[in-house]
Amino acid sequence: MNTRFLFDPLYEEFVTNTSELMLFIARHFFLELLFPLSVLIGVLLTLLIDWRWIPMSSFERLRGESLEELKKNLLL
């Protein structure tokens, strides 16, 4: 048995050459770092930015809670 391989438990496959190793690194870099970081940044931008500068019509105001009201309810 050749011991010069890597086993990828996430995808349940063997990494046996350089091109597969580069694909392995790129996949894990995206799935374990970039994707969770982009989700976190999106949530933080939604909660931390003041969105009141966007004009709303009177119908939109009556239709439901604003983002500011949702933030207040979330933080209480």
C-alpha atoms as a PDB file:
ATOM      1  CA  MET A   1       0.000   0.000   0.000  1.00  0.00           C
ATOM      2  CA  ASN A   2       1.307   3.436  -0.920  1.00  0.00           C
ATOM      3  CA  THR A   3       1.534   5.716   2.131  1.00  0.00           C
ATOM      4  CA  ARG A   4       2.063   8.899   0.138  1.00  0.00           C
ATOM      5  CA  PHE A   5      -1.531  10.048   0.003  1.00  0.00           C
ATOM      6  CA  LEU A   6      -3.928  12.172   1.951  1.00  0.00           C
ATOM      7  CA  PHE A   7      -7.460  11.162   2.861  1.00  0.00           C
ATOM      8  CA  ASP A   8     -10.108  13.889   2.618  1.00  0.00           C
ATOM      9  CA  PRO A   9     -12.802  12.932   5.171  1.00  0.00           C
ATOM     10  CA  LEU A  10     -15.165  15.713   4.064  1.00  0.00           C
ATOM     11  CA  TYR A  11     -15.503  14.345   0.536  1.00  0.00           C
ATOM     12  CA  GLU A  12     -14.350  10.792   1.406  1.00  0.00           C
ATOM     13  CA  GLU A  13     -11.704  10.642  -1.290  1.00  0.00           C
ATOM     14  CA  PHE A  14      -7.961  10.174  -1.535  1.00  0.00           C
ATOM     15  CA  VAL A  15      -5.606  12.964  -2.581  1.00  0.00           C
ATOM     16  CA  THR A  16      -2.786  11.345  -4.501  1.00  0.00           C
ATOM     17  CA  ASN A  17      -1.176  14.018  -6.709  1.00  0.00           C
ATOM     18  CA  THR A  18      -0.427  17.727  -6.780  1.00  0.00           C
ATOM     19  CA  SER A  19      -3.448  18.786  -8.830  1.00  0.00           C
ATOM     20  CA  GLU A  20      -5.797  16.974  -6.442  1.00  0.00           C
ATOM     21  CA  LEU A  21      -3.950  18.556  -3.510  1.00  0.00           C
ATOM     22  CA  MET A  22      -4.457  22.051  -4.944  1.00  0.00           C
ATOM     23  CA  LEU A  23      -8.163  21.315  -5.459  1.00  0.00           C
ATOM     24  CA  PHE A  24      -8.344  19.974  -1.892  1.00  0.00           C
ATOM     25  CA  ILE A  25      -6.756  23.147  -0.490  1.00  0.00           C
ATOM     26  CA  ALA A  26      -8.960  25.462  -2.591  1.00  0.00           C
ATOM     27  CA  ARG A  27     -12.155  23.618  -1.613  1.00  0.00           C
ATOM     28  CA  HIS A  28     -11.340  23.679   2.076  1.00  0.00           C
ATOM     29  CA  PHE A  29     -10.187  27.294   1.946  1.00  0.00           C
ATOM     30  CA  PHE A  30     -13.562  28.291   0.492  1.00  0.00           C
ATOM     31  CA  LEU A  31     -15.763  26.063   2.651  1.00  0.00           C
ATOM     32  CA  GLU A  32     -13.986  26.610   5.953  1.00  0.00           C
ATOM     33  CA  LEU A  33     -12.888  30.238   5.676  1.00  0.00           C
ATOM     34  CA  LEU A  34     -14.427  32.351   2.926  1.00  0.00           C
ATOM     35  CA  PHE A  35     -18.014  31.096   3.058  1.00  0.00           C
ATOM     36  CA  PRO A  36     -18.484  31.449   6.849  1.00  0.00           C
ATOM     37  CA  LEU A  37     -16.665  34.789   6.787  1.00  0.00           C
ATOM     38  CA  SER A  38     -18.949  36.146   4.046  1.00  0.00           C
ATOM     39  CA  VAL A  39     -22.045  35.032   5.985  1.00  0.00           C
ATOM     40  CA  LEU A  40     -20.719  36.698   9.145  1.00  0.00           C
ATOM     41  CA  ILE A  41     -19.943  39.940   7.300  1.00  0.00           C
ATOM     42  CA  GLY A  42     -23.423  39.942   5.736  1.00  0.00           C
ATOM     43  CA  VAL A  43     -25.105  39.533   9.121  1.00  0.00           C
ATOM     44  CA  LEU A  44     -22.921  42.210  10.704  1.00  0.00           C
ATOM     45  CA  LEU A  45     -23.604  44.659   7.877  1.00  0.00           C
ATOM     46  CA  THR A  46     -27.335  44.083   8.231  1.00  0.00           C
ATOM     47  CA  LEU A  47     -27.305  44.679  11.974  1.00  0.00           C
ATOM     48  CA  LEU A  48     -24.694  47.434  12.299  1.00  0.00           C
ATOM     49  CA  ILE A  49     -25.328  49.766   9.353  1.00  0.00           C
ATOM     50  CA  ASP A  50     -27.904  52.521   9.756  1.00  0.00           C
ATOM     51  CA  TRP A  51     -30.371  51.816   6.937  1.00  0.00           C
ATOM     52  CA  ARG A  52     -32.679  54.783   7.658  1.00  0.00           C
ATOM     53  CA  TRP A  53     -31.139  56.782   4.809  1.00  0.00           C
ATOM     54  CA  ILE A  54     -33.137  54.646   2.319  1.00  0.00           C
ATOM     55  CA  PRO A  55     -36.416  56.479   1.585  1.00  0.00           C
ATOM     56  CA  MET A  56     -39.605  54.536   2.268  1.00  0.00           C
ATOM     57  CA  SER A  57     -43.115  55.263   1.102  1.00  0.00           C
ATOM     58  CA  SER A  58     -45.980  55.588   3.579  1.00  0.00           C
ATOM     59  CA  PHE A  59     -47.387  52.266   2.349  1.00  0.00           C
ATOM     60  CA  GLU A  60     -44.092  50.494   3.093  1.00  0.00           C
ATOM     61  CA  ARG A  61     -44.008  51.953   6.601  1.00  0.00           C
ATOM     62  CA  LEU A  62     -47.546  50.712   7.322  1.00  0.00           C
ATOM     63  CA  ARG A  63     -46.894  47.281   5.856  1.00  0.00           C
ATOM     64  CA  GLY A  64     -44.598  45.976   8.585  1.00  0.00           C
ATOM     65  CA  GLU A  65     -41.832  46.462  11.078  1.00  0.00           C
ATOM     66  CA  SER A  66     -38.799  48.389   9.981  1.00  0.00           C
ATOM     67  CA  LEU A  67     -35.271  47.071  10.313  1.00  0.00           C
ATOM     68  CA  GLU A  68     -34.700  49.476  13.204  1.00  0.00           C
ATOM     69  CA  GLU A  69     -37.659  48.029  15.122  1.00  0.00           C
ATOM     70  CA  LEU A  70     -36.415  44.505  14.458  1.00  0.00           C
ATOM     71  CA  LYS A  71     -32.961  45.438  15.793  1.00  0.00           C
ATOM     72  CA  LYS A  72     -34.491  46.895  18.954  1.00  0.00           C
ATOM     73  CA  ASN A  73     -36.563  43.742  19.496  1.00  0.00           C
ATOM     74  CA  LEU A  74     -33.525  41.550  18.879  1.00  0.00           C
ATOM     75  CA  LEU A  75     -31.326  43.392  21.359  1.00  0.00           C
ATOM     76  CA  LEU A  76     -33.945  43.490  24.168  1.00  0.00           C
END
